Amino acid sequence: MLRDLSGEELLSGNAMSKVSISIRENIVLPLIAIQQFAMQRLQDEKLSAKEVETYQHLVLRAMFGIINAARNAA
């Protein structure tokens, strides 16, 4: 909608920000997929305690990566 209202491509005047966002998305999107996978696995009631701990750790580490990518982009 913003593009329609302004008649311009978003970030057309700031190529560096556009590249930075693109690079960040290439890092964040796989982390989100990994986190989603681990969260779905945690819903399985048949997991051992060790598996639960491993998937919880994976969710947490993916979250740290996502937060760090957002922090570095600011």
PDB file of N, CA and C in Angstrom:
ATOM      1  N   MET A   1       0.822  -1.192   0.000  1.00  0.00           N
ATOM      2  CA  MET A   1       0.000   0.000   0.000  1.00  0.00           C
ATOM      3  C   MET A   1       0.870   1.261   0.000  1.00  0.00           C
ATOM      4  N   LEU A   2       1.974   1.214   0.756  1.00  0.00           N
ATOM      5  CA  LEU A   2       2.855   2.380   0.778  1.00  0.00           C
ATOM      6  C   LEU A   2       3.406   2.686  -0.605  1.00  0.00           C
ATOM      7  N   ARG A   3       3.759   1.639  -1.313  1.00  0.00           N
ATOM      8  CA  ARG A   3       4.291   1.827  -2.662  1.00  0.00           C
ATOM      9  C   ARG A   3       3.232   2.437  -3.571  1.00  0.00           C
ATOM     10  N   ASP A   4       1.997   1.981  -3.441  1.00  0.00           N
ATOM     11  CA  ASP A   4       0.906   2.531  -4.252  1.00  0.00           C
ATOM     12  C   ASP A   4       0.656   4.000  -3.928  1.00  0.00           C
ATOM     13  N   LEU A   5       0.704   4.336  -2.650  1.00  0.00           N
ATOM     14  CA  LEU A   5       0.462   5.718  -2.238  1.00  0.00           C
ATOM     15  C   LEU A   5       1.581   6.656  -2.663  1.00  0.00           C
ATOM     16  N   SER A   6       2.812   6.195  -2.515  1.00  0.00           N
ATOM     17  CA  SER A   6       3.943   7.077  -2.808  1.00  0.00           C
ATOM     18  C   SER A   6       4.320   7.077  -4.285  1.00  0.00           C
ATOM     19  N   GLY A   7       3.962   6.010  -4.984  1.00  0.00           N
ATOM     20  CA  GLY A   7       4.338   5.896  -6.386  1.00  0.00           C
ATOM     21  C   GLY A   7       5.802   5.565  -6.585  1.00  0.00           C
ATOM     22  N   GLU A   8       6.497   5.189  -5.512  1.00  0.00           N
ATOM     23  CA  GLU A   8       7.915   4.873  -5.574  1.00  0.00           C
ATOM     24  C   GLU A   8       8.172   3.488  -4.998  1.00  0.00           C
ATOM     25  N   GLU A   9       9.297   2.936  -5.385  1.00  0.00           N
ATOM     26  CA  GLU A   9       9.747   1.687  -4.794  1.00  0.00           C
ATOM     27  C   GLU A   9      10.268   1.991  -3.395  1.00  0.00           C
ATOM     28  N   LEU A  10       9.961   1.121  -2.447  1.00  0.00           N
ATOM     29  CA  LEU A  10      10.421   1.333  -1.078  1.00  0.00           C
ATOM     30  C   LEU A  10      11.947   1.338  -1.024  1.00  0.00           C
ATOM     31  N   LEU A  11      12.497   2.240  -0.282  1.00  0.00           N
ATOM     32  CA  LEU A  11      13.929   2.419  -0.095  1.00  0.00           C
ATOM     33  C   LEU A  11      14.666   2.714  -1.401  1.00  0.00           C
ATOM     34  N   SER A  12      13.977   3.292  -2.350  1.00  0.00           N
ATOM     35  CA  SER A  12      14.610   3.585  -3.634  1.00  0.00           C
ATOM     36  C   SER A  12      15.748   4.592  -3.488  1.00  0.00           C
ATOM     37  N   GLY A  13      15.702   5.430  -2.485  1.00  0.00           N
ATOM     38  CA  GLY A  13      16.749   6.423  -2.280  1.00  0.00           C
ATOM     39  C   GLY A  13      17.843   5.975  -1.339  1.00  0.00           C
ATOM     40  N   ASN A  14      17.749   4.742  -0.834  1.00  0.00           N
ATOM     41  CA  ASN A  14      18.736   4.270   0.130  1.00  0.00           C
ATOM     42  C   ASN A  14      19.142   2.843  -0.214  1.00  0.00           C
ATOM     43  N   ALA A  15      20.030   2.729  -1.171  1.00  0.00           N
ATOM     44  CA  ALA A  15      20.452   1.414  -1.653  1.00  0.00           C
ATOM     45  C   ALA A  15      21.148   0.599  -0.570  1.00  0.00           C
ATOM     46  N   MET A  16      21.928   1.257   0.299  1.00  0.00           N
ATOM     47  CA  MET A  16      22.633   0.531   1.357  1.00  0.00           C
ATOM     48  C   MET A  16      21.658  -0.138   2.320  1.00  0.00           C
ATOM     49  N   SER A  17      20.605   0.559   2.714  1.00  0.00           N
ATOM     50  CA  SER A  17      19.603  -0.036   3.605  1.00  0.00           C
ATOM     51  C   SER A  17      18.899  -1.194   2.922  1.00  0.00           C
ATOM     52  N   LYS A  18      18.625  -1.053   1.655  1.00  0.00           N
ATOM     53  CA  LYS A  18      17.958  -2.105   0.900  1.00  0.00           C
ATOM     54  C   LYS A  18      18.823  -3.372   0.871  1.00  0.00           C
ATOM     55  N   VAL A  19      20.116  -3.206   0.640  1.00  0.00           N
ATOM     56  CA  VAL A  19      21.040  -4.344   0.631  1.00  0.00           C
ATOM     57  C   VAL A  19      21.142  -4.948   2.029  1.00  0.00           C
ATOM     58  N   SER A  20      21.232  -4.098   3.043  1.00  0.00           N
ATOM     59  CA  SER A  20      21.333  -4.566   4.420  1.00  0.00           C
ATOM     60  C   SER A  20      20.118  -5.410   4.816  1.00  0.00           C
ATOM     61  N   ILE A  21      18.947  -4.949   4.445  1.00  0.00           N
ATOM     62  CA  ILE A  21      17.719  -5.688   4.757  1.00  0.00           C
ATOM     63  C   ILE A  21      17.703  -7.027   4.034  1.00  0.00           C
ATOM     64  N   SER A  22      18.132  -7.029   2.794  1.00  0.00           N
ATOM     65  CA  SER A  22      18.174  -8.266   2.010  1.00  0.00           C
ATOM     66  C   SER A  22      19.121  -9.282   2.646  1.00  0.00           C
ATOM     67  N   ILE A  23      20.294  -8.828   3.065  1.00  0.00           N
ATOM     68  CA  ILE A  23      21.256  -9.719   3.719  1.00  0.00           C
ATOM     69  C   ILE A  23      20.686 -10.241   5.024  1.00  0.00           C
ATOM     70  N   ARG A  24      20.077  -9.347   5.808  1.00  0.00           N
ATOM     71  CA  ARG A  24      19.490  -9.755   7.092  1.00  0.00           C
ATOM     72  C   ARG A  24      18.387 -10.790   6.883  1.00  0.00           C
ATOM     73  N   GLU A  25      17.567 -10.612   5.859  1.00  0.00           N
ATOM     74  CA  GLU A  25      16.504 -11.584   5.592  1.00  0.00           C
ATOM     75  C   GLU A  25      17.078 -12.950   5.245  1.00  0.00           C
ATOM     76  N   ASN A  26      18.211 -12.983   4.539  1.00  0.00           N
ATOM     77  CA  ASN A  26      18.839 -14.257   4.206  1.00  0.00           C
ATOM     78  C   ASN A  26      19.360 -14.978   5.436  1.00  0.00           C
ATOM     79  N   ILE A  27      19.622 -14.245   6.494  1.00  0.00           N
ATOM     80  CA  ILE A  27      20.064 -14.844   7.758  1.00  0.00           C
ATOM     81  C   ILE A  27      18.864 -15.205   8.627  1.00  0.00           C
ATOM     82  N   VAL A  28      17.898 -14.313   8.719  1.00  0.00           N
ATOM     83  CA  VAL A  28      16.782 -14.470   9.656  1.00  0.00           C
ATOM     84  C   VAL A  28      15.772 -15.526   9.193  1.00  0.00           C
ATOM     85  N   LEU A  29      15.456 -15.567   7.924  1.00  0.00           N
ATOM     86  CA  LEU A  29      14.423 -16.503   7.458  1.00  0.00           C
ATOM     87  C   LEU A  29      14.760 -17.964   7.754  1.00  0.00           C
ATOM     88  N   PRO A  30      16.000 -18.432   7.515  1.00  0.00           N
ATOM     89  CA  PRO A  30      16.312 -19.815   7.915  1.00  0.00           C
ATOM     90  C   PRO A  30      16.223 -20.036   9.424  1.00  0.00           C
ATOM     91  N   LEU A  31      16.617 -19.023  10.203  1.00  0.00           N
ATOM     92  CA  LEU A  31      16.517 -19.151  11.657  1.00  0.00           C
ATOM     93  C   LEU A  31      15.068 -19.280  12.100  1.00  0.00           C
ATOM     94  N   ILE A  32      14.191 -18.538  11.459  1.00  0.00           N
ATOM     95  CA  ILE A  32      12.762 -18.629  11.786  1.00  0.00           C
ATOM     96  C   ILE A  32      12.226 -20.016  11.440  1.00  0.00           C
ATOM     97  N   ALA A  33      12.658 -20.557  10.305  1.00  0.00           N
ATOM     98  CA  ALA A  33      12.223 -21.898   9.902  1.00  0.00           C
ATOM     99  C   ALA A  33      12.726 -22.948  10.892  1.00  0.00           C
ATOM    100  N   ILE A  34      13.967 -22.834  11.315  1.00  0.00           N
ATOM    101  CA  ILE A  34      14.531 -23.769  12.303  1.00  0.00           C
ATOM    102  C   ILE A  34      13.777 -23.669  13.621  1.00  0.00           C
ATOM    103  N   GLN A  35      13.501 -22.444  14.045  1.00  0.00           N
ATOM    104  CA  GLN A  35      12.777 -22.244  15.296  1.00  0.00           C
ATOM    105  C   GLN A  35      11.367 -22.833  15.210  1.00  0.00           C
ATOM    106  N   GLN A  36      10.695 -22.604  14.095  1.00  0.00           N
ATOM    107  CA  GLN A  36       9.343 -23.144  13.910  1.00  0.00           C
ATOM    108  C   GLN A  36       9.361 -24.666  13.946  1.00  0.00           C
ATOM    109  N   PHE A  37      10.353 -25.279  13.290  1.00  0.00           N
ATOM    110  CA  PHE A  37      10.480 -26.737  13.299  1.00  0.00           C
ATOM    111  C   PHE A  37      10.630 -27.245  14.731  1.00  0.00           C
ATOM    112  N   ALA A  38      11.529 -26.622  15.487  1.00  0.00           N
ATOM    113  CA  ALA A  38      11.766 -27.063  16.861  1.00  0.00           C
ATOM    114  C   ALA A  38      10.517 -26.894  17.718  1.00  0.00           C
ATOM    115  N   MET A  39       9.797 -25.802  17.524  1.00  0.00           N
ATOM    116  CA  MET A  39       8.572 -25.574  18.300  1.00  0.00           C
ATOM    117  C   MET A  39       7.503 -26.610  17.957  1.00  0.00           C
ATOM    118  N   GLN A  40       7.418 -26.976  16.691  1.00  0.00           N
ATOM    119  CA  GLN A  40       6.462 -28.014  16.301  1.00  0.00           C
ATOM    120  C   GLN A  40       6.847 -29.361  16.909  1.00  0.00           C
ATOM    121  N   ARG A  41       8.139 -29.657  16.928  1.00  0.00           N
ATOM    122  CA  ARG A  41       8.597 -30.918  17.519  1.00  0.00           C
ATOM    123  C   ARG A  41       8.309 -30.948  19.024  1.00  0.00           C
ATOM    124  N   LEU A  42       8.381 -29.802  19.673  1.00  0.00           N
ATOM    125  CA  LEU A  42       8.120 -29.750  21.114  1.00  0.00           C
ATOM    126  C   LEU A  42       6.662 -30.078  21.451  1.00  0.00           C
ATOM    127  N   GLN A  43       5.792 -30.005  20.490  1.00  0.00           N
ATOM    128  CA  GLN A  43       4.395 -30.351  20.734  1.00  0.00           C
ATOM    129  C   GLN A  43       4.175 -31.861  20.762  1.00  0.00           C
ATOM    130  N   ASP A  44       5.169 -32.627  20.334  1.00  0.00           N
ATOM    131  CA  ASP A  44       5.089 -34.087  20.347  1.00  0.00           C
ATOM    132  C   ASP A  44       5.225 -34.571  21.790  1.00  0.00           C
ATOM    133  N   GLU A  45       4.218 -35.243  22.267  1.00  0.00           N
ATOM    134  CA  GLU A  45       4.204 -35.689  23.664  1.00  0.00           C
ATOM    135  C   GLU A  45       5.107 -36.894  23.912  1.00  0.00           C
ATOM    136  N   LYS A  46       5.616 -37.499  22.859  1.00  0.00           N
ATOM    137  CA  LYS A  46       6.415 -38.717  23.009  1.00  0.00           C
ATOM    138  C   LYS A  46       7.920 -38.440  23.050  1.00  0.00           C
ATOM    139  N   LEU A  47       8.308 -37.205  23.183  1.00  0.00           N
ATOM    140  CA  LEU A  47       9.726 -36.867  23.215  1.00  0.00           C
ATOM    141  C   LEU A  47      10.328 -37.235  24.569  1.00  0.00           C
ATOM    142  N   SER A  48      11.573 -37.662  24.528  1.00  0.00           N
ATOM    143  CA  SER A  48      12.282 -37.918  25.783  1.00  0.00           C
ATOM    144  C   SER A  48      12.673 -36.573  26.405  1.00  0.00           C
ATOM    145  N   ALA A  49      13.070 -36.618  27.651  1.00  0.00           N
ATOM    146  CA  ALA A  49      13.491 -35.394  28.342  1.00  0.00           C
ATOM    147  C   ALA A  49      14.687 -34.766  27.639  1.00  0.00           C
ATOM    148  N   LYS A  50      15.596 -35.589  27.139  1.00  0.00           N
ATOM    149  CA  LYS A  50      16.775 -35.083  26.429  1.00  0.00           C
ATOM    150  C   LYS A  50      16.367 -34.406  25.121  1.00  0.00           C
ATOM    151  N   GLU A  51      15.412 -34.981  24.405  1.00  0.00           N
ATOM    152  CA  GLU A  51      14.936 -34.369  23.156  1.00  0.00           C
ATOM    153  C   GLU A  51      14.247 -33.028  23.431  1.00  0.00           C
ATOM    154  N   VAL A  52      13.441 -32.981  24.476  1.00  0.00           N
ATOM    155  CA  VAL A  52      12.770 -31.730  24.847  1.00  0.00           C
ATOM    156  C   VAL A  52      13.819 -30.665  25.146  1.00  0.00           C
ATOM    157  N   GLU A  53      14.823 -31.029  25.908  1.00  0.00           N
ATOM    158  CA  GLU A  53      15.885 -30.081  26.248  1.00  0.00           C
ATOM    159  C   GLU A  53      16.614 -29.605  24.984  1.00  0.00           C
ATOM    160  N   THR A  54      16.879 -30.517  24.067  1.00  0.00           N
ATOM    161  CA  THR A  54      17.576 -30.164  22.824  1.00  0.00           C
ATOM    162  C   THR A  54      16.744 -29.208  21.983  1.00  0.00           C
ATOM    163  N   TYR A  55      15.460 -29.492  21.816  1.00  0.00           N
ATOM    164  CA  TYR A  55      14.600 -28.618  21.011  1.00  0.00           C
ATOM    165  C   TYR A  55      14.380 -27.262  21.692  1.00  0.00           C
ATOM    166  N   GLN A  56      14.279 -27.257  23.006  1.00  0.00           N
ATOM    167  CA  GLN A  56      14.159 -25.980  23.708  1.00  0.00           C
ATOM    168  C   GLN A  56      15.417 -25.135  23.512  1.00  0.00           C
ATOM    169  N   HIS A  57      16.560 -25.778  23.557  1.00  0.00           N
ATOM    170  CA  HIS A  57      17.825 -25.079  23.331  1.00  0.00           C
ATOM    171  C   HIS A  57      17.878 -24.532  21.898  1.00  0.00           C
ATOM    172  N   LEU A  58      17.411 -25.313  20.940  1.00  0.00           N
ATOM    173  CA  LEU A  58      17.387 -24.884  19.543  1.00  0.00           C
ATOM    174  C   LEU A  58      16.486 -23.665  19.352  1.00  0.00           C
ATOM    175  N   VAL A  59      15.319 -23.666  19.994  1.00  0.00           N
ATOM    176  CA  VAL A  59      14.412 -22.516  19.923  1.00  0.00           C
ATOM    177  C   VAL A  59      15.097 -21.279  20.488  1.00  0.00           C
ATOM    178  N   LEU A  60      15.733 -21.429  21.613  1.00  0.00           N
ATOM    179  CA  LEU A  60      16.395 -20.308  22.275  1.00  0.00           C
ATOM    180  C   LEU A  60      17.561 -19.770  21.438  1.00  0.00           C
ATOM    181  N   ARG A  61      18.384 -20.646  20.901  1.00  0.00           N
ATOM    182  CA  ARG A  61      19.524 -20.207  20.088  1.00  0.00           C
ATOM    183  C   ARG A  61      19.068 -19.521  18.804  1.00  0.00           C
ATOM    184  N   ALA A  62      18.014 -20.039  18.192  1.00  0.00           N
ATOM    185  CA  ALA A  62      17.475 -19.389  16.989  1.00  0.00           C
ATOM    186  C   ALA A  62      16.952 -18.000  17.343  1.00  0.00           C
ATOM    187  N   MET A  63      16.295 -17.896  18.482  1.00  0.00           N
ATOM    188  CA  MET A  63      15.787 -16.601  18.927  1.00  0.00           C
ATOM    189  C   MET A  63      16.929 -15.612  19.132  1.00  0.00           C
ATOM    190  N   PHE A  64      18.023 -16.058  19.738  1.00  0.00           N
ATOM    191  CA  PHE A  64      19.184 -15.181  19.928  1.00  0.00           C
ATOM    192  C   PHE A  64      19.726 -14.703  18.585  1.00  0.00           C
ATOM    193  N   GLY A  65      19.776 -15.606  17.595  1.00  0.00           N
ATOM    194  CA  GLY A  65      20.259 -15.223  16.275  1.00  0.00           C
ATOM    195  C   GLY A  65      19.362 -14.194  15.611  1.00  0.00           C
ATOM    196  N   ILE A  66      18.066 -14.370  15.741  1.00  0.00           N
ATOM    197  CA  ILE A  66      17.097 -13.434  15.164  1.00  0.00           C
ATOM    198  C   ILE A  66      17.222 -12.056  15.829  1.00  0.00           C
ATOM    199  N   ILE A  67      17.328 -12.057  17.147  1.00  0.00           N
ATOM    200  CA  ILE A  67      17.452 -10.797  17.885  1.00  0.00           C
ATOM    201  C   ILE A  67      18.760 -10.111  17.522  1.00  0.00           C
ATOM    202  N   ASN A  68      19.841 -10.861  17.439  1.00  0.00           N
ATOM    203  CA  ASN A  68      21.130 -10.281  17.109  1.00  0.00           C
ATOM    204  C   ASN A  68      21.129  -9.679  15.703  1.00  0.00           C
ATOM    205  N   ALA A  69      20.496 -10.353  14.761  1.00  0.00           N
ATOM    206  CA  ALA A  69      20.419  -9.813  13.392  1.00  0.00           C
ATOM    207  C   ALA A  69      19.632  -8.519  13.376  1.00  0.00           C
ATOM    208  N   ALA A  70      18.556  -8.450  14.149  1.00  0.00           N
ATOM    209  CA  ALA A  70      17.755  -7.220  14.206  1.00  0.00           C
ATOM    210  C   ALA A  70      18.527  -6.107  14.887  1.00  0.00           C
ATOM    211  N   ARG A  71      19.260  -6.423  15.936  1.00  0.00           N
ATOM    212  CA  ARG A  71      20.029  -5.428  16.662  1.00  0.00           C
ATOM    213  C   ARG A  71      21.138  -4.848  15.782  1.00  0.00           C
ATOM    214  N   ASN A  72      21.804  -5.708  15.029  1.00  0.00           N
ATOM    215  CA  ASN A  72      22.897  -5.265  14.174  1.00  0.00           C
ATOM    216  C   ASN A  72      22.400  -4.428  12.993  1.00  0.00           C
ATOM    217  N   ALA A  73      21.141  -4.570  12.659  1.00  0.00           N
ATOM    218  CA  ALA A  73      20.588  -3.838  11.526  1.00  0.00           C
ATOM    219  C   ALA A  73      20.154  -2.426  11.921  1.00  0.00           C
ATOM    220  N   ALA A  74      19.989  -2.193  13.203  1.00  0.00           N
ATOM    221  CA  ALA A  74      19.488  -0.903  13.657  1.00  0.00           C
ATOM    222  C   ALA A  74      20.536   0.175  13.585  1.00  0.00           C
TER     223      ALA A  74
END
